Structures are given as structure tokens and as C-alpha cells.
């Protein structure tokens, strides 16, 4: 269900709702479910799976667009999530598509960069790839450390974005294996991690990674980390 509201002459608010027929969420947990790694209860993960990152990532995206996400729910009946995002109505709409693209994307350009994204979570893959390709980078995806090592043998990359927790081979071991080959001494490897704890930072550095970006990431933070790695 969607609608448009016009609170001002130069503004439109796009609002839409998504309703499910799930187990519902108690009112005292409305705010909690938007936090990273949080769910209605511990039994949710055991019974239904999931990481507890989906709503946190969604909320971050909505807030980046200066919008708001709210929830109405009843235990045993389901939940309705409503997203509202404001947009300015341009006064002069005579600009060509090319001119609009140049003015909105000029500061976010990674044209020519070849990036290896090593990440096992499909949602995280989609989000990162969407932004990177929007910034004109070429992206290849590996689902774990073993696939990353194979990809590096087949192709040359400018930057590696490395998740640290993956099946088969995690990011720490994959990075150590990459650094064993001298030709990769100067290959920038940026850790993707949901934890910014000092112990994690130390392990990232010890494994041979150059930088880190926390998940769910801010697009600006990801862009800045990649750009610095390209022109260090």
C-alpha cells in the first residue's frame, strides 16, 4: 500500500506499508527490533533463522534518505511496517538526465576500480554491490575466503572488501593466505565487520588488513574507505 503527501509546495512524501502475517512483536520491543542483531526473542533465531540485521539495515537506509520507519504489531497476528521518505520537487525540471546524473553523483565516483567483494550474506552482497556499481566500480563477488583466493588467481583487483566471518574460510585466514604471496603486498584489503571492538580491530590488523568498515555500513564511510585505498 502506498500514498503521496504534499506537506509543502516543493516537497512530496512517499509513504508505503508492508504487512506480514507473522508471530507479531510486543510494543516494548518495537525499538529493539531495529537494533543490530536484535530479534523479538532468542527463540526466533533458533526457530526461524536470520541474523537480526535486516531491520537495522533497512532503518539505516531510510534515515540516509531523511525518512522514517515505524511499526504497528499485534502478537499472533502480524506486523505492519510503514516507511515515509520526503523528496524535494525540483523547480526547474528542464535538465537532461545526463545533467542530473552529473550533479548528483559527481562526488561519488569510483570509475575504473575493480573490487572483489568477499561476503557470504546475500543481503549484504546486494547492498554493497548496489552502491559500488552506482559509483561506477566493477564488482566481483566471492562467497567465502576460498572463493576469494580462486578469484585473485583469475583476475586482478584494485581493492578487496573482506567479511571476517564466513564459512569454509573466514576473512582472517583468507587475508593471511593472500599476504603470503609477495605480489599482493600492496593490495588494499578492507575488513567488513559488525564489531568495532578493540580485540577485533587488533585481529584485523594482525591478519594483514589495511582498514575496516562496520556493518551495517554508511555509504559515505564505504566510499571513503575504498577511495583512500585506491589513492594511498
Protein backbone atom coordinates (compact mmCIF):
# COMPACT_ATOMS: atom_id res chain seq x y z
CA UNK A 1 0.00 0.00 0.00
CA UNK A 2 1.44 3.37 -0.99
CA UNK A 3 0.49 7.04 -0.99
CA UNK A 4 1.80 10.54 -1.70
CA UNK A 5 1.53 13.54 0.60
CA UNK A 6 2.32 17.17 -0.21
CA UNK A 7 3.02 18.99 3.07
CA UNK A 8 4.73 21.85 1.19
CA UNK A 9 4.61 23.22 -2.33
CA UNK A 10 8.13 21.99 -3.07
CA UNK A 11 8.00 18.68 -1.18
CA UNK A 12 6.35 15.29 -1.61
CA UNK A 13 6.39 12.49 0.96
CA UNK A 14 6.29 8.99 -0.45
CA UNK A 15 4.75 6.59 2.06
CA UNK A 16 4.25 2.85 1.78
CA UNK A 17 3.45 -0.02 4.14
CA UNK A 18 4.36 -3.68 4.20
CA UNK A 19 2.25 -6.11 6.25
CA UNK A 20 3.09 -9.65 7.25
CA UNK A 21 1.10 -12.37 8.99
CA UNK A 22 3.89 -13.48 11.30
CA UNK A 23 4.08 -14.00 15.04
CA UNK A 24 3.97 -10.29 15.84
CA UNK A 25 6.13 -8.06 18.04
CA UNK A 26 5.35 -6.78 21.51
CA UNK A 27 5.20 -2.98 21.98
CA UNK A 28 8.11 -2.95 24.41
CA UNK A 29 10.30 -4.43 21.67
CA UNK A 30 9.35 -2.00 18.88
CA UNK A 31 12.62 -0.06 19.17
CA UNK A 32 14.72 -3.13 19.93
CA UNK A 33 13.97 -4.91 16.63
CA UNK A 34 15.64 -2.05 14.71
CA UNK A 35 18.93 -2.60 16.55
CA UNK A 36 21.70 -4.72 15.02
CA UNK A 37 21.49 -8.43 15.89
CA UNK A 38 18.22 -7.95 17.78
CA UNK A 39 15.06 -10.01 17.41
CA UNK A 40 11.81 -10.36 19.38
CA UNK A 41 13.38 -13.16 21.41
CA UNK A 42 16.28 -15.61 21.34
CA UNK A 43 13.94 -18.39 20.24
CA UNK A 44 13.25 -16.55 16.97
CA UNK A 45 16.73 -17.30 15.64
CA UNK A 46 16.57 -20.91 16.74
CA UNK A 47 13.19 -21.49 15.11
CA UNK A 48 13.23 -19.23 12.06
CA UNK A 49 16.91 -18.35 11.49
CA UNK A 50 18.16 -14.92 10.45
CA UNK A 51 20.90 -12.65 11.76
CA UNK A 52 18.83 -9.78 13.18
CA UNK A 53 20.44 -7.30 10.74
CA UNK A 54 17.61 -6.85 8.21
CA UNK A 55 15.58 -4.20 10.01
CA UNK A 56 18.72 -2.39 11.23
CA UNK A 57 19.97 -2.11 7.63
CA UNK A 58 16.53 -1.02 6.42
CA UNK A 59 16.30 1.66 9.10
CA UNK A 60 19.78 2.94 8.18
CA UNK A 61 18.82 3.23 4.50
CA UNK A 62 15.59 5.06 5.33
CA UNK A 63 17.40 7.51 7.65
CA UNK A 64 20.05 8.19 4.99
CA UNK A 65 17.13 9.38 2.81
CA UNK A 66 15.93 11.61 5.70
CA UNK A 67 12.92 9.36 6.15
CA UNK A 68 11.23 7.47 8.95
CA UNK A 69 10.18 3.86 9.54
CA UNK A 70 7.53 2.86 12.07
CA UNK A 71 5.84 -0.33 13.20
CA UNK A 72 2.40 -1.46 14.34
CA UNK A 73 2.04 -5.04 15.50
CA UNK A 74 -0.14 -7.49 17.38
CA UNK A 75 1.16 -10.66 18.93
CA UNK A 76 -0.06 -13.66 16.97
CA UNK A 77 -1.50 -11.57 14.13
CA UNK A 78 1.45 -9.95 12.36
CA UNK A 79 3.16 -6.61 11.82
CA UNK A 80 2.88 -3.57 9.56
CA UNK A 81 5.98 -1.53 8.78
CA UNK A 82 5.43 1.94 7.33
CA UNK A 83 8.17 3.90 5.56
CA UNK A 84 7.92 7.64 4.83
CA UNK A 85 10.57 9.40 2.73
CA UNK A 86 10.50 13.09 1.77
CA UNK A 87 11.60 14.34 -1.65
CA UNK A 88 12.02 17.87 -2.92
CA UNK A 89 10.08 18.76 -6.05
CA UNK A 90 12.54 20.48 -8.42
CA UNK A 91 11.55 23.96 -9.54
CA UNK A 92 13.30 23.55 -12.88
CA UNK A 93 12.74 20.13 -14.43
CA UNK A 94 14.18 21.03 -17.83
CA UNK A 95 17.59 19.48 -17.06
CA UNK A 96 18.53 16.43 -19.07
CA UNK A 97 19.07 13.05 -17.39
CA UNK A 98 22.79 13.38 -18.07
CA UNK A 99 22.95 16.76 -16.29
CA UNK A 100 21.03 15.43 -13.29
CA UNK A 101 23.37 12.43 -13.00
CA UNK A 102 26.43 14.67 -13.18
CA UNK A 103 25.20 16.95 -10.38
CA UNK A 104 24.05 14.17 -8.04
CA UNK A 105 26.85 11.64 -8.50
CA UNK A 106 29.88 13.84 -9.14
CA UNK A 107 31.32 13.38 -5.65
CA UNK A 108 30.80 9.62 -5.61
CA UNK A 109 32.79 8.17 -8.48
CA UNK A 110 34.99 5.05 -8.44
CA UNK A 111 35.16 4.66 -12.20
CA UNK A 112 37.84 2.20 -13.28
CA UNK A 113 38.11 0.48 -9.89
CA UNK A 114 37.89 -3.32 -9.86
CA UNK A 115 36.67 -4.52 -6.48
CA UNK A 116 36.46 -8.04 -5.08
CA UNK A 117 33.61 -8.25 -2.57
CA UNK A 118 34.07 -11.25 -0.26
CA UNK A 119 30.82 -11.70 1.65
CA UNK A 120 28.59 -14.72 2.35
CA UNK A 121 25.35 -12.89 3.22
CA UNK A 122 23.18 -12.31 0.09
CA UNK A 123 21.58 -9.15 1.50
CA UNK A 124 24.96 -7.61 2.35
CA UNK A 125 26.20 -8.59 -1.11
CA UNK A 126 23.26 -6.86 -2.74
CA UNK A 127 23.58 -3.67 -0.70
CA UNK A 128 27.34 -3.28 -1.18
CA UNK A 129 27.21 -4.17 -4.87
CA UNK A 130 24.36 -1.72 -5.47
CA UNK A 131 26.32 1.21 -4.10
CA UNK A 132 29.66 0.22 -5.64
CA UNK A 133 28.22 -0.21 -9.13
CA UNK A 134 26.29 3.04 -8.71
CA UNK A 135 29.67 4.66 -8.11
CA UNK A 136 30.89 3.13 -11.40
CA UNK A 137 33.12 0.43 -9.90
CA UNK A 138 33.30 -3.07 -11.38
CA UNK A 139 32.40 -5.65 -8.71
CA UNK A 140 33.09 -9.38 -8.49
CA UNK A 141 31.63 -11.43 -5.62
CA UNK A 142 33.16 -14.30 -3.66
CA UNK A 143 31.06 -16.10 -1.04
CA UNK A 144 33.97 -17.07 1.21
CA UNK A 145 37.74 -16.96 1.59
CA UNK A 146 38.37 -19.96 -0.66
CA UNK A 147 36.42 -18.35 -3.50
CA UNK A 148 38.34 -15.12 -2.92
CA UNK A 149 41.69 -16.88 -3.34
CA UNK A 150 40.45 -18.50 -6.55
CA UNK A 151 39.17 -15.17 -7.88
CA UNK A 152 42.52 -13.48 -7.27
CA UNK A 153 44.23 -16.16 -9.37
CA UNK A 154 41.89 -15.41 -12.26
CA UNK A 155 41.71 -11.63 -12.17
CA UNK A 156 43.48 -8.50 -10.92
CA UNK A 157 41.68 -6.28 -8.42
CA UNK A 158 42.36 -2.81 -7.03
CA UNK A 159 40.65 -3.38 -3.67
CA UNK A 160 39.31 -6.35 -1.69
CA UNK A 161 36.35 -5.89 0.67
CA UNK A 162 36.67 -8.80 3.11
CA UNK A 163 33.98 -10.00 5.51
CA UNK A 164 35.65 -11.55 8.55
CA UNK A 165 33.02 -14.18 9.48
CA UNK A 166 32.35 -16.68 6.67
CA UNK A 167 32.01 -20.44 6.21
CA UNK A 168 34.71 -22.57 4.52
CA UNK A 169 37.43 -19.95 5.15
CA UNK A 170 36.95 -16.74 7.15
CA UNK A 171 38.34 -13.32 6.31
CA UNK A 172 41.27 -13.55 8.72
CA UNK A 173 42.65 -16.74 7.18
CA UNK A 174 41.91 -15.60 3.64
CA UNK A 175 43.87 -12.40 4.23
CA UNK A 176 46.80 -14.30 5.74
CA UNK A 177 46.86 -16.58 2.69
CA UNK A 178 46.76 -13.60 0.33
CA UNK A 179 49.64 -11.88 2.13
CA UNK A 180 51.85 -14.96 1.74
CA UNK A 181 52.23 -14.01 -1.92
CA UNK A 182 54.55 -11.02 -2.27
CA UNK A 183 52.72 -9.71 -5.33
CA UNK A 184 49.78 -8.90 -3.05
CA UNK A 185 51.84 -6.92 -0.53
CA UNK A 186 50.28 -3.65 -1.69
CA UNK A 187 46.76 -4.94 -2.39
CA UNK A 188 44.35 -2.97 -0.17
CA UNK A 189 42.15 -5.28 1.91
CA UNK A 190 39.30 -3.63 3.82
CA UNK A 191 37.59 -5.64 6.54
CA UNK A 192 33.78 -5.71 6.69
CA UNK A 193 32.77 -6.33 10.29
CA UNK A 194 29.76 -5.94 12.55
CA UNK A 195 32.03 -5.37 15.55
CA UNK A 196 34.26 -2.37 16.22
CA UNK A 197 35.70 -3.80 19.45
CA UNK A 198 39.41 -3.28 20.09
CA UNK A 199 40.10 -7.04 20.02
CA UNK A 200 38.52 -7.29 16.57
CA UNK A 201 40.47 -4.29 15.30
CA UNK A 202 43.71 -5.87 16.56
CA UNK A 203 42.93 -9.19 14.86
CA UNK A 204 42.11 -7.38 11.62
CA UNK A 205 45.43 -5.55 11.68
CA UNK A 206 47.37 -8.68 12.66
CA UNK A 207 45.87 -10.63 9.75
CA UNK A 208 47.14 -8.01 7.31
CA UNK A 209 44.07 -5.96 6.50
CA UNK A 210 44.56 -2.24 5.87
CA UNK A 211 41.28 -0.75 7.08
CA UNK A 212 37.79 -1.66 8.23
CA UNK A 213 34.17 -0.65 7.63
CA UNK A 214 31.48 -1.59 10.15
CA UNK A 215 28.18 -3.20 9.15
CA UNK A 216 25.51 -2.09 8.57
CA UNK A 217 27.70 0.47 6.85
CA UNK A 218 27.14 4.11 5.97
CA UNK A 219 27.55 4.50 2.17
CA UNK A 220 29.79 7.52 2.72
CA UNK A 221 32.06 5.50 5.02
CA UNK A 222 32.35 2.69 2.47
CA UNK A 223 33.06 5.11 -0.36
CA UNK A 224 35.71 6.97 1.65
CA UNK A 225 37.48 3.75 2.69
CA UNK A 226 37.63 2.48 -0.88
CA UNK A 227 38.73 5.84 -2.28
CA UNK A 228 41.55 6.16 0.28
CA UNK A 229 42.73 2.66 -0.59
CA UNK A 230 42.83 3.49 -4.28
CA UNK A 231 44.89 6.64 -3.82
CA UNK A 232 47.00 5.91 -0.77
